[in-house]
């Protein structure tokens, strides 16, 4: 299983809305972002702290979202050329930025040549699409026609063949693929995609979009894009659920997911399909709580383009998400920028947050606080997260069931600098409303003495 994604912070780019280089004529209903435009902004992406990008589809299509594919093998001319894409991948790799490409294997445009041919009884494409009582299946009643993935010829065209869509884009140098509508593809097909890709490149990442709780799907994918944690996060900060319910739901994630896959999976606050954060909440203390869990819970933080600078619209859903990127720093939200840079630096500095184990401590606070510990195989690599998601001050003694949380050990809050001394694996904490603490060990604070001398 590829594990490189655990040490990355992912940046989602919607190509049409990111940056245009003014070299192409822009049709109506498009902003005109291009692949060359993305290349021009790679240094911005890198300098902000992101080291992997997830690209929404780039294929020739009928709309700017490009999930209605017309040609799987051609970059949309509005975006550029296949050669431009190869250059983008090379420029990313020069900067140690990994590239994950979104490919919709489940459906095509109703104007795709295969579908037009399918209506001809003598065409081999006749059985390339699902039919139900004489009508072609369409994804959730849209104009996207669903491919017949029970047909071995379709699987060969898309996945298994030496000239398949999957192999074509892997040969362009991408590091991973995001499977749109993985739950519609089904477990058998996504496992086939994963296993086929690994035969060609065992370090290639296969990520699947599964909107719902994705425990079982973790058995057939390298990585998941699930919104279960997203829903929990906004529910807890909006007081729709109790801290106990939130804690119990986290326990289900830990117990029901393959943990190695969970470490590879995305922790999401927003995406191209959902409302942006500032269109849902506008309180920096609440925003900090959301980011604290996104960046410290097992999984990989993913940031939709523009969230890091505070894009907002007062709209909801796709209308909120699919806004043009803002590069003018005068129009950035400086509080949001500071928050993201703080959490990006934190994540990069703590190995246990990238790939460590997890233990939920929330029940040990009598469900007054959200608390958990992340820890690695190195005894001194641990972080204790303590969050007060309510509008009331909380004072608690928390007992930490971690064998290397030694008596008299000092821990320091990453955000405030406040220090605490451990007493028999416990600490007294005092949190203001909506306060976040992340405690890491100061294990050499006593001159001439170390808490971690030997195993």
Protein backbone atom coordinates (compact mmCIF):
# COMPACT_ATOMS: atom_id res chain seq x y z
CA UNK A 1 0.00 0.00 0.00
CA UNK A 2 1.39 3.45 -0.92
CA UNK A 3 1.93 5.52 2.23
CA UNK A 4 3.41 8.71 0.79
CA UNK A 5 0.13 10.61 1.11
CA UNK A 6 0.32 10.51 4.93
CA UNK A 7 3.15 13.02 4.90
CA UNK A 8 1.34 15.38 2.54
CA UNK A 9 -1.13 18.21 2.84
CA UNK A 10 -3.47 18.07 -0.12
CA UNK A 11 -4.68 21.06 -2.13
CA UNK A 12 -7.77 20.61 -4.32
CA UNK A 13 -7.73 22.54 -7.61
CA UNK A 14 -10.80 23.02 -9.79
CA UNK A 15 -8.92 23.81 -13.04
CA UNK A 16 -11.39 26.16 -14.75
CA UNK A 17 -11.70 28.42 -11.70
CA UNK A 18 -8.10 28.57 -10.53
CA UNK A 19 -5.94 30.81 -12.76
CA UNK A 20 -6.09 31.75 -16.44
CA UNK A 21 -3.02 32.69 -18.44
CA UNK A 22 -5.08 34.51 -21.13
CA UNK A 23 -3.64 32.37 -23.94
CA UNK A 24 -6.94 30.69 -24.84
CA UNK A 25 -10.28 32.09 -25.92
CA UNK A 26 -12.81 31.58 -23.12
CA UNK A 27 -16.27 30.25 -24.02
CA UNK A 28 -19.39 31.38 -22.22
CA UNK A 29 -20.02 29.76 -18.81
CA UNK A 30 -16.27 29.24 -18.30
CA UNK A 31 -13.85 31.34 -16.29
CA UNK A 32 -10.94 30.16 -18.42
CA UNK A 33 -8.47 28.65 -15.99
CA UNK A 34 -5.76 26.62 -17.74
CA UNK A 35 -3.09 24.05 -17.02
CA UNK A 36 -0.46 26.68 -17.77
CA UNK A 37 -2.24 28.86 -15.23
CA UNK A 38 -1.83 26.17 -12.59
CA UNK A 39 1.85 25.85 -13.48
CA UNK A 40 2.26 29.60 -12.97
CA UNK A 41 0.86 29.24 -9.45
CA UNK A 42 2.78 26.14 -8.32
CA UNK A 43 5.20 28.26 -6.32
CA UNK A 44 2.24 29.82 -4.51
CA UNK A 45 0.92 26.34 -3.70
CA UNK A 46 4.32 25.15 -2.52
CA UNK A 47 5.12 28.28 -0.52
CA UNK A 48 1.78 28.17 1.30
CA UNK A 49 2.73 24.70 2.53
CA UNK A 50 0.86 22.26 0.28
CA UNK A 51 2.81 19.36 -1.19
CA UNK A 52 0.18 17.42 -3.14
CA UNK A 53 -2.60 18.54 -5.46
CA UNK A 54 -5.86 16.83 -6.33
CA UNK A 55 -7.14 17.98 -9.72
CA UNK A 56 -10.77 17.79 -10.70
CA UNK A 57 -11.23 16.30 -14.21
CA UNK A 58 -9.28 17.83 -17.09
CA UNK A 59 -10.80 15.84 -19.98
CA UNK A 60 -12.57 17.18 -23.02
CA UNK A 61 -16.14 17.62 -21.82
CA UNK A 62 -19.30 19.72 -22.09
CA UNK A 63 -19.06 21.75 -18.87
CA UNK A 64 -16.39 23.33 -16.70
CA UNK A 65 -16.68 20.58 -14.07
CA UNK A 66 -15.78 18.03 -16.79
CA UNK A 67 -17.45 15.01 -15.21
CA UNK A 68 -19.46 14.77 -18.46
CA UNK A 69 -16.54 13.34 -20.42
CA UNK A 70 -16.45 13.45 -24.23
CA UNK A 71 -12.94 12.03 -24.64
CA UNK A 72 -11.00 10.31 -21.87
CA UNK A 73 -7.73 10.57 -23.76
CA UNK A 74 -7.71 14.29 -24.53
CA UNK A 75 -7.20 17.27 -22.27
CA UNK A 76 -9.97 19.79 -22.79
CA UNK A 77 -8.58 22.33 -25.30
CA UNK A 78 -9.98 25.11 -23.11
CA UNK A 79 -7.50 23.96 -20.45
CA UNK A 80 -4.61 23.19 -22.79
CA UNK A 81 -3.07 20.07 -24.27
CA UNK A 82 -1.87 16.69 -23.11
CA UNK A 83 1.65 18.07 -23.41
CA UNK A 84 0.67 20.90 -21.05
CA UNK A 85 -0.53 18.30 -18.57
CA UNK A 86 2.74 16.39 -18.80
CA UNK A 87 4.58 19.66 -18.17
CA UNK A 88 2.36 20.33 -15.15
CA UNK A 89 3.19 16.94 -13.66
CA UNK A 90 6.92 17.45 -14.25
CA UNK A 91 6.84 20.93 -12.71
CA UNK A 92 4.96 19.57 -9.70
CA UNK A 93 7.49 16.81 -9.21
CA UNK A 94 10.36 19.32 -9.43
CA UNK A 95 8.80 20.98 -6.39
CA UNK A 96 8.09 17.68 -4.60
CA UNK A 97 4.36 18.10 -5.19
CA UNK A 98 2.44 14.87 -5.83
CA UNK A 99 -0.42 14.84 -8.37
CA UNK A 100 -3.76 13.02 -8.00
CA UNK A 101 -6.11 13.14 -10.99
CA UNK A 102 -9.90 12.81 -10.73
CA UNK A 103 -11.27 10.31 -13.29
CA UNK A 104 -15.04 9.62 -13.61
CA UNK A 105 -15.19 5.96 -14.63
CA UNK A 106 -18.86 5.62 -13.71
CA UNK A 107 -20.42 7.74 -16.45
CA UNK A 108 -19.88 9.86 -19.55
CA UNK A 109 -21.64 12.67 -21.36
CA UNK A 110 -24.70 11.63 -23.31
CA UNK A 111 -22.82 13.07 -26.31
CA UNK A 112 -19.80 10.82 -25.85
CA UNK A 113 -19.05 8.99 -29.14
CA UNK A 114 -19.50 5.64 -27.42
CA UNK A 115 -23.04 6.52 -26.38
CA UNK A 116 -23.94 7.90 -29.79
CA UNK A 117 -22.73 4.65 -31.35
CA UNK A 118 -24.53 2.56 -28.72
CA UNK A 119 -27.87 3.33 -30.35
CA UNK A 120 -26.74 1.45 -33.45
CA UNK A 121 -27.74 -2.20 -33.05
CA UNK A 122 -24.65 -3.36 -34.95
CA UNK A 123 -22.21 -1.36 -32.82
CA UNK A 124 -19.91 -2.95 -30.25
CA UNK A 125 -20.84 -0.04 -27.98
CA UNK A 126 -24.42 -1.30 -27.74
CA UNK A 127 -23.58 -3.03 -24.43
CA UNK A 128 -21.24 -0.33 -23.11
CA UNK A 129 -24.04 1.32 -21.12
CA UNK A 130 -26.53 0.09 -18.53
CA UNK A 131 -30.13 -0.20 -19.59
CA UNK A 132 -33.23 -0.67 -17.46
CA UNK A 133 -36.41 -1.74 -19.21
CA UNK A 134 -35.17 -0.28 -22.47
CA UNK A 135 -33.98 3.05 -21.04
CA UNK A 136 -30.36 3.93 -20.41
CA UNK A 137 -29.34 4.42 -16.78
CA UNK A 138 -28.37 7.97 -15.88
CA UNK A 139 -26.50 8.99 -12.75
CA UNK A 140 -29.14 10.14 -10.26
CA UNK A 141 -31.45 11.12 -13.11
CA UNK A 142 -28.97 13.54 -14.71
CA UNK A 143 -27.75 13.65 -18.31
CA UNK A 144 -24.68 11.58 -17.33
CA UNK A 145 -25.10 8.09 -18.80
CA UNK A 146 -23.76 5.21 -16.71
CA UNK A 147 -21.24 2.81 -18.20
CA UNK A 148 -21.83 -0.95 -18.05
CA UNK A 149 -18.95 -1.97 -15.79
CA UNK A 150 -20.15 -5.58 -15.87
CA UNK A 151 -19.00 -5.70 -19.50
CA UNK A 152 -15.38 -6.99 -19.73
CA UNK A 153 -14.84 -4.89 -22.88
CA UNK A 154 -15.71 -1.72 -20.97
CA UNK A 155 -13.36 -2.72 -18.15
CA UNK A 156 -10.58 -3.30 -20.66
CA UNK A 157 -11.16 0.10 -22.29
CA UNK A 158 -11.22 1.94 -18.99
CA UNK A 159 -9.06 -0.04 -16.57
CA UNK A 160 -7.36 -3.32 -17.39
CA UNK A 161 -6.09 -2.94 -20.95
CA UNK A 162 -2.54 -1.91 -21.85
CA UNK A 163 -4.10 1.05 -23.70
CA UNK A 164 -6.78 1.76 -21.11
CA UNK A 165 -7.74 5.16 -19.75
CA UNK A 166 -6.11 4.30 -16.43
CA UNK A 167 -2.83 3.22 -18.03
CA UNK A 168 -2.79 6.25 -20.34
CA UNK A 169 -2.86 8.75 -17.49
CA UNK A 170 -0.58 6.70 -15.26
CA UNK A 171 1.96 6.87 -18.07
CA UNK A 172 1.67 10.67 -17.93
CA UNK A 173 3.31 10.48 -14.52
CA UNK A 174 0.43 11.05 -12.09
CA UNK A 175 0.93 9.71 -8.55
CA UNK A 176 -2.64 8.70 -7.88
CA UNK A 177 -6.22 8.68 -9.07
CA UNK A 178 -9.40 9.86 -7.39
CA UNK A 179 -12.36 7.66 -8.35
CA UNK A 180 -15.46 9.78 -8.75
CA UNK A 181 -18.63 8.12 -7.38
CA UNK A 182 -16.73 5.09 -6.09
CA UNK A 183 -19.85 3.83 -4.33
CA UNK A 184 -21.59 3.69 -7.75
CA UNK A 185 -18.63 1.82 -9.24
CA UNK A 186 -19.03 -0.85 -6.57
CA UNK A 187 -16.48 -2.65 -4.42
CA UNK A 188 -15.59 -5.24 -7.03
CA UNK A 189 -14.69 -2.62 -9.63
CA UNK A 190 -12.77 -0.30 -7.30
CA UNK A 191 -10.76 -3.27 -6.04
CA UNK A 192 -10.04 -4.17 -9.67
CA UNK A 193 -8.81 -0.62 -10.30
CA UNK A 194 -6.62 -0.70 -7.20
CA UNK A 195 -5.14 -4.12 -7.95
CA UNK A 196 -4.58 -3.31 -11.63
CA UNK A 197 -2.86 -0.02 -10.85
CA UNK A 198 -0.61 -1.71 -8.29
CA UNK A 199 0.51 -4.26 -10.87
CA UNK A 200 1.86 -1.40 -12.97
CA UNK A 201 3.09 0.74 -10.07
CA UNK A 202 2.86 -0.46 -6.48
CA UNK A 203 3.35 3.10 -5.19
CA UNK A 204 0.35 4.44 -7.12
CA UNK A 205 -2.52 5.66 -4.92
CA UNK A 206 -6.14 4.72 -5.66
CA UNK A 207 -8.55 6.97 -3.75
CA UNK A 208 -12.32 6.54 -3.85
CA UNK A 209 -15.09 9.08 -3.27
CA UNK A 210 -17.58 7.48 -0.89
CA UNK A 211 -19.85 10.17 0.51
CA UNK A 212 -21.31 7.95 3.20
CA UNK A 213 -19.68 6.02 6.07
CA UNK A 214 -16.94 4.15 4.28
CA UNK A 215 -15.76 1.48 6.71
CA UNK A 216 -16.19 -1.50 4.37
CA UNK A 217 -14.77 0.45 1.44
CA UNK A 218 -11.48 0.74 3.29
CA UNK A 219 -10.92 -2.95 2.49
CA UNK A 220 -10.81 -2.31 -1.26
CA UNK A 221 -9.09 1.09 -1.64
CA UNK A 222 -5.81 2.74 -0.70
CA UNK A 223 -7.52 5.95 0.40
CA UNK A 224 -11.03 7.32 0.91
CA UNK A 225 -12.78 10.61 0.36
CA UNK A 226 -15.66 10.27 2.80
CA UNK A 227 -17.75 13.07 4.28
CA UNK A 228 -18.76 11.23 7.46
CA UNK A 229 -16.21 13.11 9.59
CA UNK A 230 -17.15 16.35 7.82
CA UNK A 231 -20.77 15.96 8.87
CA UNK A 232 -19.76 15.16 12.44
CA UNK A 233 -17.54 18.24 12.67
CA UNK A 234 -20.19 20.70 11.59
CA UNK A 235 -22.79 18.94 13.73
CA UNK A 236 -20.72 19.26 16.90
CA UNK A 237 -19.85 22.94 16.40
CA UNK A 238 -23.50 23.69 15.59
CA UNK A 239 -24.63 21.85 18.75
CA UNK A 240 -26.69 19.39 16.69
CA UNK A 241 -25.11 16.44 18.53
CA UNK A 242 -23.61 15.95 21.98
CA UNK A 243 -19.92 15.51 22.72
CA UNK A 244 -20.67 11.92 23.70
CA UNK A 245 -22.33 11.20 20.35
CA UNK A 246 -19.41 12.83 18.54
CA UNK A 247 -16.96 10.72 20.53
CA UNK A 248 -18.88 7.50 19.88
CA UNK A 249 -18.90 8.26 16.16
CA UNK A 250 -15.11 8.76 16.18
CA UNK A 251 -14.78 5.36 17.85
CA UNK A 252 -16.81 3.78 15.04
CA UNK A 253 -14.45 5.31 12.46
CA UNK A 254 -11.41 3.94 14.29
CA UNK A 255 -12.89 0.48 14.81
CA UNK A 256 -14.62 -0.01 11.44
CA UNK A 257 -12.01 1.38 9.03
CA UNK A 258 -8.80 -0.36 8.09
CA UNK A 259 -6.51 1.93 10.09
CA UNK A 260 -3.73 1.92 7.50
CA UNK A 261 -6.25 3.11 4.89
CA UNK A 262 -7.68 5.66 7.32
CA UNK A 263 -4.22 7.21 7.66
CA UNK A 264 -4.24 7.62 3.85
CA UNK A 265 -7.77 9.03 3.69
CA UNK A 266 -8.93 12.63 3.41
CA UNK A 267 -10.10 14.78 6.31
CA UNK A 268 -12.45 17.23 4.59
CA UNK A 269 -14.05 20.52 5.58
CA UNK A 270 -15.22 21.47 2.09
CA UNK A 271 -14.91 20.40 -1.53
CA UNK A 272 -16.16 21.37 -4.99
CA UNK A 273 -19.51 19.74 -4.05
CA UNK A 274 -20.11 21.36 -0.67
CA UNK A 275 -20.51 24.77 0.97
CA UNK A 276 -17.31 26.64 1.82
CA UNK A 277 -16.42 26.97 5.48
CA UNK A 278 -16.94 30.74 5.75
CA UNK A 279 -20.37 30.35 4.17
CA UNK A 280 -21.24 28.02 7.06
CA UNK A 281 -19.52 29.66 10.03
CA UNK A 282 -17.85 33.02 10.60
CA UNK A 283 -16.24 32.64 14.01
CA UNK A 284 -12.47 32.13 14.09
CA UNK A 285 -12.64 30.17 17.35
CA UNK A 286 -15.06 27.71 15.74
CA UNK A 287 -12.91 27.63 12.58
CA UNK A 288 -9.91 26.75 14.76
CA UNK A 289 -11.80 23.80 16.25
CA UNK A 290 -12.64 22.50 12.77
CA UNK A 291 -9.03 22.81 11.62
CA UNK A 292 -7.71 21.29 14.84
CA UNK A 293 -9.58 18.04 14.24
CA UNK A 294 -9.00 18.09 10.46
CA UNK A 295 -5.23 18.36 10.98
CA UNK A 296 -4.84 16.04 14.00
CA UNK A 297 -7.36 13.21 13.52
CA UNK A 298 -6.00 10.18 11.61
CA UNK A 299 -6.09 11.03 7.90
CA UNK A 300 -4.79 13.62 5.47
CA UNK A 301 -5.94 17.26 5.51
CA UNK A 302 -7.31 18.41 2.14
CA UNK A 303 -8.00 22.08 1.44
CA UNK A 304 -10.26 23.28 -1.35
CA UNK A 305 -8.54 26.03 -3.34
CA UNK A 306 -9.23 29.43 -1.80
CA UNK A 307 -10.28 28.21 1.64
CA UNK A 308 -6.76 29.01 2.85
CA UNK A 309 -7.32 32.71 2.04
CA UNK A 310 -10.93 32.95 3.17
CA UNK A 311 -13.06 32.87 0.01
CA UNK A 312 -16.75 33.35 0.83
CA UNK A 313 -19.92 34.05 -1.12
CA UNK A 314 -22.99 33.82 1.18
CA UNK A 315 -24.21 31.01 -1.10
CA UNK A 316 -24.53 27.30 -0.35
CA UNK A 317 -23.53 24.04 -2.03
CA UNK A 318 -21.84 24.09 -5.42
CA UNK A 319 -22.59 27.81 -5.85
CA UNK A 320 -20.48 28.45 -2.76
CA UNK A 321 -17.72 25.99 -3.61
CA UNK A 322 -17.18 26.85 -7.27
CA UNK A 323 -15.93 30.40 -6.96
CA UNK A 324 -12.94 31.91 -8.74
CA UNK A 325 -9.65 31.71 -6.82
CA UNK A 326 -8.48 34.99 -5.24
CA UNK A 327 -4.77 35.77 -5.56
CA UNK A 328 -4.92 39.43 -4.56
CA UNK A 329 -3.62 39.47 -0.98
CA UNK A 330 -5.59 42.64 -0.29
CA UNK A 331 -8.73 40.52 -0.58
CA UNK A 332 -7.55 37.73 1.70
CA UNK A 333 -8.89 37.09 5.19
CA UNK A 334 -5.70 37.48 7.26
CA UNK A 335 -7.15 35.59 10.25
CA UNK A 336 -7.95 32.58 8.06
CA UNK A 337 -4.51 32.69 6.40
CA UNK A 338 -2.83 32.71 9.81
CA UNK A 339 -4.92 29.76 11.01
CA UNK A 340 -4.06 27.61 7.97
CA UNK A 341 -0.37 28.42 8.12
CA UNK A 342 -0.31 27.57 11.82
CA UNK A 343 -1.93 24.18 11.31
CA UNK A 344 0.12 23.34 8.22
CA UNK A 345 3.32 23.99 10.18
CA UNK A 346 2.00 21.95 13.11
CA UNK A 347 1.12 19.00 10.91
CA UNK A 348 4.51 19.00 9.19
CA UNK A 349 6.38 19.21 12.48
CA UNK A 350 4.72 16.27 14.25
CA UNK A 351 5.29 12.75 12.88
CA UNK A 352 2.63 11.25 15.14
CA UNK A 353 -0.02 13.44 13.51
CA UNK A 354 0.95 12.11 10.09
CA UNK A 355 1.13 8.40 10.79
CA UNK A 356 0.70 7.74 14.50
CA UNK A 357 -1.77 5.66 16.45
CA UNK A 358 -4.94 7.11 18.01
CA UNK A 359 -6.62 6.77 21.39
CA UNK A 360 -9.85 8.57 22.25
CA UNK A 361 -9.78 10.22 25.71
CA UNK A 362 -13.13 12.02 25.51
CA UNK A 363 -14.88 9.62 27.89
CA UNK A 364 -12.18 10.37 30.47
CA UNK A 365 -13.33 14.00 30.51
CA UNK A 366 -16.90 12.88 31.33
CA UNK A 367 -17.75 14.08 27.82
CA UNK A 368 -17.13 17.69 28.83
CA UNK A 369 -14.25 18.04 26.35
CA UNK A 370 -13.14 16.40 23.10
CA UNK A 371 -9.77 14.83 23.76
CA UNK A 372 -7.49 12.25 22.16
CA UNK A 373 -3.85 11.33 21.91
CA UNK A 374 -1.79 10.62 18.77
CA UNK A 375 1.46 8.72 19.36
CA UNK A 376 4.17 6.98 17.35
CA UNK A 377 6.53 4.09 18.09
CA UNK A 378 8.96 6.64 19.52
CA UNK A 379 7.83 7.11 23.11
CA UNK A 380 8.51 10.85 23.12
CA UNK A 381 6.51 11.46 19.91
CA UNK A 382 2.98 12.18 21.08
CA UNK A 383 0.40 14.94 20.98
CA UNK A 384 -2.56 15.30 23.33
CA UNK A 385 -5.45 17.20 21.77
CA UNK A 386 -7.98 18.87 24.08
CA UNK A 387 -10.89 20.88 22.68
CA UNK A 388 -13.75 22.69 24.35
CA UNK A 389 -16.51 22.92 21.69
CA UNK A 390 -19.01 24.63 23.99
CA UNK A 391 -19.67 28.16 25.19
CA UNK A 392 -18.73 27.46 28.80
CA UNK A 393 -15.46 27.23 30.72
CA UNK A 394 -14.34 23.69 31.62
CA UNK A 395 -11.88 22.64 34.35
CA UNK A 396 -10.98 18.94 34.42
CA UNK A 397 -8.29 16.56 35.53
CA UNK A 398 -7.65 14.22 32.60
CA UNK A 399 -6.02 10.84 33.16
CA UNK A 400 -4.03 9.82 30.09
CA UNK A 401 -3.72 6.02 29.54
CA UNK A 402 -0.42 6.27 27.71
CA UNK A 403 2.44 4.28 29.22
CA UNK A 404 5.07 6.92 28.45
CA UNK A 405 3.24 9.89 29.95
CA UNK A 406 5.62 9.95 32.91
CA UNK A 407 5.15 11.53 36.30
CA UNK A 408 6.76 15.01 36.41
CA UNK A 409 6.95 15.20 32.61
CA UNK A 410 6.27 18.68 31.27
CA UNK A 411 3.95 19.26 28.31
CA UNK A 412 3.47 22.53 26.46
CA UNK A 413 0.45 23.86 24.58
CA UNK A 414 1.42 24.47 20.96
CA UNK A 415 -0.92 27.46 20.67
CA UNK A 416 -0.59 29.37 23.95
CA UNK A 417 2.79 28.17 25.20
CA UNK A 418 1.21 27.30 28.55
CA UNK A 419 2.97 24.49 30.41
CA UNK A 420 1.60 21.61 32.48
CA UNK A 421 3.33 19.08 34.73
CA UNK A 422 2.10 15.50 34.62
CA UNK A 423 1.05 13.91 37.92
CA UNK A 424 0.82 10.12 37.72
CA UNK A 425 -0.26 10.22 34.04
CA UNK A 426 -2.76 13.02 34.57
CA UNK A 427 -2.99 16.78 34.06
CA UNK A 428 -5.29 19.52 35.23
CA UNK A 429 -6.67 21.60 32.37
CA UNK A 430 -8.70 24.80 32.33
CA UNK A 431 -10.22 25.68 28.96
CA UNK A 432 -12.09 28.80 27.96
CA UNK A 433 -15.14 28.47 25.68
CA UNK A 434 -14.13 27.14 22.23
CA UNK A 435 -10.46 26.83 23.23
CA UNK A 436 -8.13 24.36 21.52
CA UNK A 437 -4.99 22.93 23.14
CA UNK A 438 -2.37 20.60 21.69
CA UNK A 439 0.12 19.37 24.26
CA UNK A 440 3.53 18.00 23.31
CA UNK A 441 6.29 16.80 25.67
CA UNK A 442 9.17 18.94 26.93
CA UNK A 443 11.11 15.90 28.02
CA UNK A 444 14.54 17.46 28.52
CA UNK A 445 13.49 20.37 30.71
CA UNK A 446 15.34 19.07 33.79
CA UNK A 447 19.07 19.67 33.36
CA UNK A 448 21.06 16.44 33.49
CA UNK A 449 17.96 14.24 33.36
CA UNK A 450 15.98 12.61 30.55
CA UNK A 451 12.59 10.91 30.80
CA UNK A 452 13.37 8.71 27.80
CA UNK A 453 16.81 7.18 28.39
CA UNK A 454 16.25 3.66 27.09
CA UNK A 455 13.47 1.19 26.24
